[in-house]
Protein backbone atom coordinates (compact mmCIF):
# COMPACT_ATOMS: atom_id res chain seq x y z
CA MET A 1 24.49 130.30 120.17
CA SER A 2 21.13 132.22 120.16
CA ASP A 3 19.47 128.99 120.88
CA LEU A 4 21.77 128.33 123.54
CA GLU A 5 19.92 126.85 126.74
CA VAL A 6 21.36 126.73 130.47
CA ARG A 7 20.40 124.41 133.36
CA LEU A 8 21.90 123.47 136.53
CA THR A 9 20.81 120.35 138.10
CA PRO A 10 21.33 117.84 140.66
CA VAL A 11 23.65 115.07 139.36
CA ARG A 12 22.04 111.59 140.44
CA ASP A 13 23.86 109.08 137.84
CA PHE A 14 27.87 109.69 137.55
CA PRO A 15 28.18 106.53 134.96
CA THR A 16 25.56 107.92 132.74
CA LEU A 17 27.60 111.56 133.40
CA ALA A 18 30.79 109.86 132.48
CA ALA A 19 29.13 109.03 129.00
CA ARG A 20 28.14 112.17 128.13
CA TRP A 21 31.33 113.92 129.67
CA ARG A 22 33.43 111.73 127.23
CA ALA A 23 31.24 112.48 124.09
CA LEU A 24 31.80 116.44 124.65
CA GLU A 25 35.45 115.92 125.01
CA ALA A 26 35.87 114.69 121.92
CA ARG A 27 34.31 117.82 120.50
CA SER A 28 36.49 120.28 122.91
CA GLN A 29 40.09 121.77 123.66
CA ILE A 30 40.33 121.00 127.15
CA SER A 31 43.08 120.00 129.33
CA PHE A 32 43.79 116.92 131.23
CA PHE A 33 42.37 118.68 134.38
CA GLN A 34 38.81 119.00 132.40
CA SER A 35 38.77 115.12 131.50
CA TRP A 36 36.58 112.87 133.08
CA SER A 37 39.50 110.68 134.47
CA TRP A 38 40.43 113.69 136.44
CA VAL A 39 36.97 115.19 137.19
CA GLY A 40 35.44 111.88 137.59
CA CYS A 41 37.81 110.15 139.79
CA LEU A 42 36.25 109.02 143.26
CA ALA A 43 33.49 111.63 141.90
CA GLU A 44 31.16 109.74 143.91
CA ASP A 45 32.80 110.17 147.34
CA ARG A 46 34.57 113.56 146.69
CA TYR A 47 31.46 115.57 145.58
CA ARG A 48 28.98 115.74 148.78
CA ASP A 49 26.25 117.74 146.71
CA PRO A 50 27.10 117.43 142.85
CA VAL A 51 25.23 119.67 140.30
CA LEU A 52 25.87 119.76 136.86
CA LEU A 53 25.86 122.82 134.69
CA GLN A 54 24.85 121.92 131.25
CA ALA A 55 24.64 123.87 127.64
CA SER A 56 22.54 122.99 124.98
CA SER A 57 21.92 123.72 121.81
CA ASN A 58 19.47 122.04 119.45
CA GLY A 59 18.87 119.36 121.78
CA GLU A 60 22.65 118.80 122.02
CA ASP A 61 25.36 119.17 124.83
CA VAL A 62 27.31 122.00 123.92
CA GLY A 63 28.97 122.58 127.60
CA LEU A 64 29.09 120.60 130.83
CA ALA A 65 30.93 121.55 134.48
CA LEU A 66 30.63 119.82 137.54
CA PHE A 67 30.55 121.85 140.74
CA ASN A 68 30.10 120.84 144.16
CA ARG A 69 27.36 123.00 145.82
CA ASP A 70 28.34 124.16 149.27
CA ALA A 71 26.20 125.88 152.35
CA MET A 72 24.80 129.08 151.84
CA ARG A 73 26.78 131.74 152.96
CA LEU A 74 25.72 135.26 153.40
CA GLY A 75 22.70 134.54 151.60
CA LEU A 76 24.50 132.83 148.44
CA GLN A 77 24.95 129.12 147.46
CA THR A 78 28.68 128.42 146.24
CA LEU A 79 29.63 126.57 143.89
CA HIS A 80 33.45 125.05 143.46
CA LEU A 81 34.17 124.41 139.66
CA ASN A 82 35.88 120.64 139.55
CA GLU A 83 36.64 120.87 143.03
CA THR A 84 34.83 119.89 146.68
CA GLY A 85 35.19 123.20 149.13
CA ASP A 86 37.11 120.10 151.01
CA ALA A 87 40.67 121.62 152.06
CA ASP A 88 42.12 117.76 152.35
CA PHE A 89 40.25 116.67 148.64
CA ASP A 90 41.34 120.18 146.95
CA SER A 91 44.64 119.62 147.89
CA MET A 92 45.30 117.82 144.68
CA PHE A 93 45.41 121.22 143.07
CA VAL A 94 43.26 121.88 139.76
CA GLU A 95 45.24 123.62 137.11
CA HIS A 96 43.83 124.44 133.61
CA ASN A 97 40.54 124.47 134.82
CA GLY A 98 37.41 125.80 133.12
CA ILE A 99 34.08 124.59 132.11
CA MET A 100 34.15 122.50 128.94
CA LEU A 101 32.57 123.74 126.07
CA ALA A 102 32.66 122.31 122.31
CA ASP A 103 34.65 123.83 120.07
CA ASN A 104 31.72 125.37 117.87
CA ALA A 105 30.51 126.98 121.28
CA ALA A 106 33.54 128.38 123.01
CA ALA A 107 32.40 131.97 122.31
CA ASP A 108 29.48 131.28 124.50
CA LEU A 109 30.76 131.09 128.12
CA PRO A 110 29.74 134.55 129.13
CA ALA A 111 26.47 133.83 128.11
CA CYS A 112 26.56 130.68 129.92
CA LEU A 113 27.65 132.77 133.09
CA ASP A 114 25.01 135.17 132.71
CA GLN A 115 22.12 132.97 132.17
CA LEU A 116 23.17 130.98 135.12
CA PHE A 117 23.40 133.71 137.20
CA GLY A 118 19.85 134.62 135.79
CA ILE A 119 18.52 131.23 136.70
CA HIS A 120 20.08 130.97 139.96
CA PRO A 121 20.75 134.91 140.90
CA ASN A 122 22.34 133.73 144.77
CA THR A 123 25.04 131.97 143.32
CA ARG A 124 28.74 132.49 143.72
CA LEU A 125 30.93 130.70 141.40
CA VAL A 126 34.53 129.42 142.65
CA MET A 127 36.92 128.64 139.66
CA SER A 128 40.34 127.80 140.15
CA GLY A 129 43.47 127.64 138.39
CA VAL A 130 41.16 128.96 135.16
CA SER A 131 43.03 130.85 131.89
CA SER A 132 42.56 134.08 130.50
CA GLN A 133 39.94 133.02 128.73
CA THR A 134 37.66 132.23 131.79
CA VAL A 135 38.40 135.46 133.16
CA ASP A 136 37.53 137.55 130.37
CA ALA A 137 34.40 135.72 129.93
CA ALA A 138 33.94 136.22 133.62
CA LYS A 139 34.76 140.28 133.16
CA ALA A 140 32.14 140.08 129.82
CA SER A 141 29.10 138.20 131.90
CA GLY A 142 28.46 141.57 133.48
CA HIS A 143 28.72 140.33 136.89
CA VAL A 144 31.28 140.98 139.44
CA MET A 145 34.85 138.97 139.61
CA ARG A 146 37.34 138.73 142.25
CA LEU A 147 40.81 137.93 141.14
CA LEU A 148 41.95 135.83 144.18
CA ARG A 149 45.19 135.08 142.93
CA THR A 150 47.57 134.49 139.77
CA GLU A 151 50.50 131.91 139.06
CA PRO A 152 52.46 131.44 136.28
CA SER A 153 52.82 128.09 134.40
CA PRO A 154 56.06 127.82 132.34
CA TYR A 155 56.71 125.25 130.29
CA VAL A 156 59.17 124.33 127.12
CA ASP A 157 57.73 124.72 123.50
CA TYR A 158 58.94 122.10 121.64
CA ARG A 159 57.54 123.93 118.64
CA ALA A 160 59.90 126.71 119.40
CA LEU A 161 63.35 124.79 119.77
CA PRO A 162 65.97 124.34 117.17
CA ASP A 163 66.76 120.69 115.61
CA GLY A 164 69.60 118.82 117.13
CA ASP A 165 70.11 117.39 120.80
CA GLU A 166 71.38 121.18 121.17
CA GLY A 167 68.48 122.63 120.69
CA PHE A 168 66.68 122.62 124.27
CA LEU A 169 70.24 123.72 125.85
CA GLY A 170 70.96 125.87 123.47
CA ARG A 171 67.94 127.96 124.35
CA LEU A 172 68.93 128.42 128.09
CA SER A 173 71.00 130.90 130.11
CA ALA A 174 74.74 129.71 130.05
CA ASN A 175 74.45 129.49 133.82
CA THR A 176 72.04 126.79 133.36
CA ARG A 177 73.63 124.72 130.70
CA TYR A 178 76.85 124.83 133.04
CA GLN A 179 75.03 123.68 135.77
CA LEU A 180 73.31 120.64 133.90
CA ARG A 181 76.18 119.29 132.26
CA ARG A 182 78.23 119.83 135.53
CA SER A 183 75.62 117.56 136.97
CA SER A 184 75.51 114.96 134.46
CA ARG A 185 79.40 115.00 133.92
CA LEU A 186 78.87 113.63 138.34
CA TYR A 187 76.11 111.54 137.81
CA SER A 188 77.69 109.46 135.17
CA GLN A 189 80.43 108.80 137.32
CA HIS A 190 77.98 106.53 139.22
CA GLY A 191 76.93 104.78 136.08
CA PRO A 192 75.15 106.21 132.56
CA LEU A 193 72.00 108.67 132.91
CA ALA A 194 68.94 106.78 132.20
CA ILE A 195 65.14 106.78 132.30
CA ARG A 196 62.95 103.75 133.34
CA ARG A 197 59.21 104.34 132.49
CA ALA A 198 56.76 102.43 134.16
CA ALA A 199 55.47 99.31 132.26
CA SER A 200 51.78 98.52 134.03
CA VAL A 201 49.74 100.02 136.57
CA GLN A 202 51.00 97.88 139.38
CA GLU A 203 54.78 99.44 138.40
CA ALA A 204 53.87 102.85 138.33
CA CYS A 205 51.65 102.63 141.54
CA ALA A 206 55.30 101.28 143.06
CA MET A 207 56.83 104.18 141.96
CA LEU A 208 54.40 106.53 143.04
CA ASP A 209 55.40 104.76 146.83
CA ALA A 210 59.04 105.48 145.93
CA LEU A 211 58.41 109.10 144.78
CA ALA A 212 56.37 109.79 147.46
CA VAL A 213 59.56 108.73 150.10
CA LEU A 214 61.81 111.34 148.25
CA HIS A 215 58.86 113.64 148.24
CA GLN A 216 58.23 113.54 151.96
CA ARG A 217 61.58 113.39 153.12
CA THR A 218 62.64 116.54 151.21
CA TRP A 219 59.31 118.74 152.42
CA MET A 220 59.96 117.24 155.79
CA ALA A 221 63.08 118.77 155.90
CA ARG A 222 62.05 122.10 155.20
CA GLY A 223 59.53 121.84 158.20
CA ARG A 224 56.32 121.10 156.14
CA GLY A 225 54.05 118.34 155.69
CA GLY A 226 54.48 117.64 151.72
CA ALA A 227 51.53 116.14 149.79
CA PHE A 228 51.71 112.94 150.71
CA ALA A 229 50.80 113.34 154.18
CA ASN A 230 47.20 113.74 153.50
CA PRO A 231 45.65 110.31 152.73
CA LYS A 232 42.93 111.69 150.50
CA PHE A 233 45.97 112.73 148.24
CA ILE A 234 47.29 109.32 148.07
CA ARG A 235 43.66 107.44 147.46
CA PHE A 236 42.49 110.12 144.82
CA HIS A 237 46.10 109.31 143.02
CA ARG A 238 46.15 105.48 142.96
CA ALA A 239 42.43 105.61 141.80
CA LEU A 240 43.67 107.96 139.11
CA ILE A 241 46.69 105.78 137.88
CA ALA A 242 44.03 102.99 137.58
CA ARG A 243 41.38 104.74 135.59
CA ALA A 244 43.80 106.73 133.05
CA TRP A 245 46.82 104.49 132.90
CA PRO A 246 45.02 102.22 130.15
CA ARG A 247 44.26 105.52 128.48
CA GLY A 248 47.55 106.68 128.14
CA GLU A 249 47.13 109.56 130.37
CA ILE A 250 49.62 108.59 133.26
CA ASP A 251 53.50 108.24 133.06
CA LEU A 252 55.85 107.29 136.06
CA LEU A 253 59.65 107.59 135.15
CA GLU A 254 62.42 106.61 137.50
CA ILE A 255 65.60 108.76 136.65
CA ALA A 256 69.12 106.55 137.67
CA ALA A 257 72.73 107.06 136.95
CA GLY A 258 73.77 103.34 137.17
CA ASP A 259 72.18 101.73 140.15
CA THR A 260 71.71 105.17 141.44
CA VAL A 261 68.43 106.20 141.34
CA ILE A 262 68.07 109.98 141.54
CA GLY A 263 64.42 110.75 141.26
CA TYR A 264 60.82 110.07 139.76
CA LEU A 265 58.32 112.16 137.77
CA TYR A 266 54.62 111.75 137.68
CA ASN A 267 53.22 113.09 134.59
CA PHE A 268 49.88 113.47 132.68
CA LEU A 269 50.13 112.73 129.16
CA HIS A 270 47.16 114.80 127.23
CA ARG A 271 46.75 115.56 123.41
CA SER A 272 50.49 115.83 122.91
CA GLN A 273 50.97 117.60 126.06
CA VAL A 274 53.06 116.23 129.11
CA MET A 275 52.39 117.96 132.38
CA THR A 276 54.76 117.28 135.25
CA TYR A 277 52.63 116.97 138.16
CA GLN A 278 54.42 115.59 140.97
CA SER A 279 57.91 115.05 142.25
CA GLY A 280 60.51 112.94 144.36
CA PHE A 281 64.16 113.81 144.13
CA ASP A 282 67.16 112.06 146.53
CA TYR A 283 68.67 115.54 147.37
CA GLN A 284 70.01 113.31 150.80
CA ALA A 285 72.42 111.51 148.57
CA ALA A 286 73.35 114.02 146.15
CA ARG A 287 76.88 115.75 146.48
CA PRO A 288 77.93 119.30 145.61
CA HIS A 289 76.86 120.36 142.37
CA GLU A 290 74.20 117.25 141.68
CA LYS A 291 71.02 118.64 140.91
CA PRO A 292 68.76 115.72 140.80
CA GLY A 293 65.69 117.55 140.40
CA MET A 294 66.85 119.58 137.08
CA THR A 295 68.96 116.49 135.78
CA SER A 296 66.11 114.47 135.79
CA HIS A 297 63.78 117.28 134.19
CA GLN A 298 66.40 117.46 131.37
CA LEU A 299 66.38 113.58 130.44
CA ALA A 300 62.51 113.67 130.54
CA ILE A 301 62.60 116.80 128.34
CA GLY A 302 64.68 114.71 126.21
CA LEU A 303 62.28 111.78 126.15
CA TYR A 304 59.23 113.44 125.10
CA ARG A 305 60.90 115.26 122.77
CA THR A 306 61.87 112.41 120.68
CA GLU A 307 58.13 111.09 121.44
CA GLY A 308 56.58 113.88 119.66
CA HIS A 309 54.85 115.81 122.06
CA ALA A 310 54.24 119.55 121.58
CA ARG A 311 54.87 121.23 125.10
CA TYR A 312 56.23 119.95 128.30
CA ASP A 313 54.44 122.11 131.23
CA PHE A 314 55.77 122.49 134.43
CA LEU A 315 52.24 123.51 135.74
CA ALA A 316 52.15 126.23 138.38
CA GLY A 317 54.69 127.66 140.50
CA GLU A 318 57.57 130.35 139.74
CA ASP A 319 59.92 127.85 141.51
CA ARG A 320 63.25 128.56 140.05
CA TYR A 321 63.68 125.51 138.06
CA LYS A 322 60.78 125.96 136.29
CA THR A 323 61.39 129.42 134.94
CA SER A 324 65.42 128.54 134.23
CA LEU A 325 64.39 125.04 132.37
CA SER A 326 61.09 126.74 130.34
CA ASN A 327 61.28 128.92 127.33
CA ALA A 328 57.41 130.24 127.38
CA ALA A 329 54.72 130.43 129.71
CA THR A 330 50.88 130.79 130.46
CA TRP A 331 49.25 132.53 133.53
CA LEU A 332 46.46 130.87 135.58
CA TYR A 333 43.98 132.37 137.86
CA TRP A 334 42.05 131.97 141.03
CA ILE A 335 38.85 133.80 140.55
CA ASP A 336 35.27 134.14 142.18
CA LEU A 337 32.06 135.17 140.70
CA VAL A 338 29.04 137.04 141.93
CA PRO A 339 25.94 138.61 140.32
CA GLN A 340 26.01 142.58 140.55
CA HIS A 341 22.51 142.12 142.34
CA SER A 342 24.25 140.48 145.12
CA LEU A 343 26.93 143.18 146.42
CA ARG A 344 23.36 145.49 147.21
CA GLY A 345 23.75 145.58 151.13
CA LEU A 346 26.68 143.41 151.17
CA ALA A 347 29.36 145.26 152.54
CA THR A 348 32.76 144.21 150.63
CA GLU A 349 34.61 143.52 153.59
CA ALA A 350 31.98 141.02 154.94
CA TRP A 351 32.28 139.53 151.82
CA ARG A 352 36.28 139.32 151.90
CA ALA A 353 36.23 138.03 155.29
CA VAL A 354 33.16 135.81 155.52
CA VAL A 355 33.09 134.32 152.21
CA ASN A 356 36.54 133.95 151.62
CA PRO A 357 38.43 134.57 154.70
CA ARG A 358 41.88 133.25 152.98
CA TYR A 359 42.03 136.09 150.94
CA ALA A 360 40.69 139.18 153.07
CA ASN A 361 41.95 142.42 151.62
CA THR A 362 43.96 141.17 149.07
CA ASP A 363 41.55 141.00 146.14
CA THR A 364 41.48 142.92 143.00
CA MET A 365 37.63 143.25 142.09
CA PHE A 366 36.43 143.90 138.53
CA ARG A 367 32.88 144.72 137.79
CA GLY A 368 31.31 143.79 134.33
């Protein structure tokens, strides 16, 4: 858009921003992680110094992005896209992230980035879990991008499955089919395999609590803390369930064999896509060859297929069960972006070690 105008302004009024955000959501192809349900959850508490990137055309919003502004380092202000820079709050792990653009402005992302740096030249953008389109736009903006991390996001594409009950199983490897059938047969000795869906916010929170117990037991047995060891994580997701449940965007599932609970799934539902965000399975009670995780996902995949969803997304990670059960994948990227001039007089090693020490000596640089 030739009349595109980009501004970066402090956020003073979150309720007003919420209305603008929801209005643009309706005209944008976004993920749940870009919706106001996620972005605005506890925003007043999470964002210490919130700033809004707003792209407009003829006075109408065509692009919005919420950033938290971090302290100046090496002469650069750091802006975190839909994150805070606080490790405890960012443990929520945003994925399928990006600047929200209206459908008719989707090609304007490089121009947005270029204008942003033109107005605020001493800026570094941190963008986690973004798509290849954002990476391409960052390269095309003419500035310097670092690729910090890449993760596959495996998913089940229901549209690619043949009709019939065997459509899903038929696309899996022989070994995976055998494991699933054997596990289902063993669990059926306890009683019929079934899914129970939480029917209220209160029941969803109760299932989340039960999920957390199993999740923590599994991760503590591996010598690790687990996501629910973080009080901010728990607080965020209780608030998220309260705000997103009435919009039909949250699903909590209990999977059982007869009276024996084998696991819980905490999923997001958005525009015909299912995102399997968190889980808890009873590995402790599982007998040999019983697969609580794979069996739970198998039943959930079947449930959502009958409901007409298009995709069952396992989200980021190369876990064996994700690759075994999926029939497609996309890629997510963790990047940061700085204007070309900022590298003048700034040693690359200093940038690696000081600006983002976690990724020292591991990044790939692309110059626009």
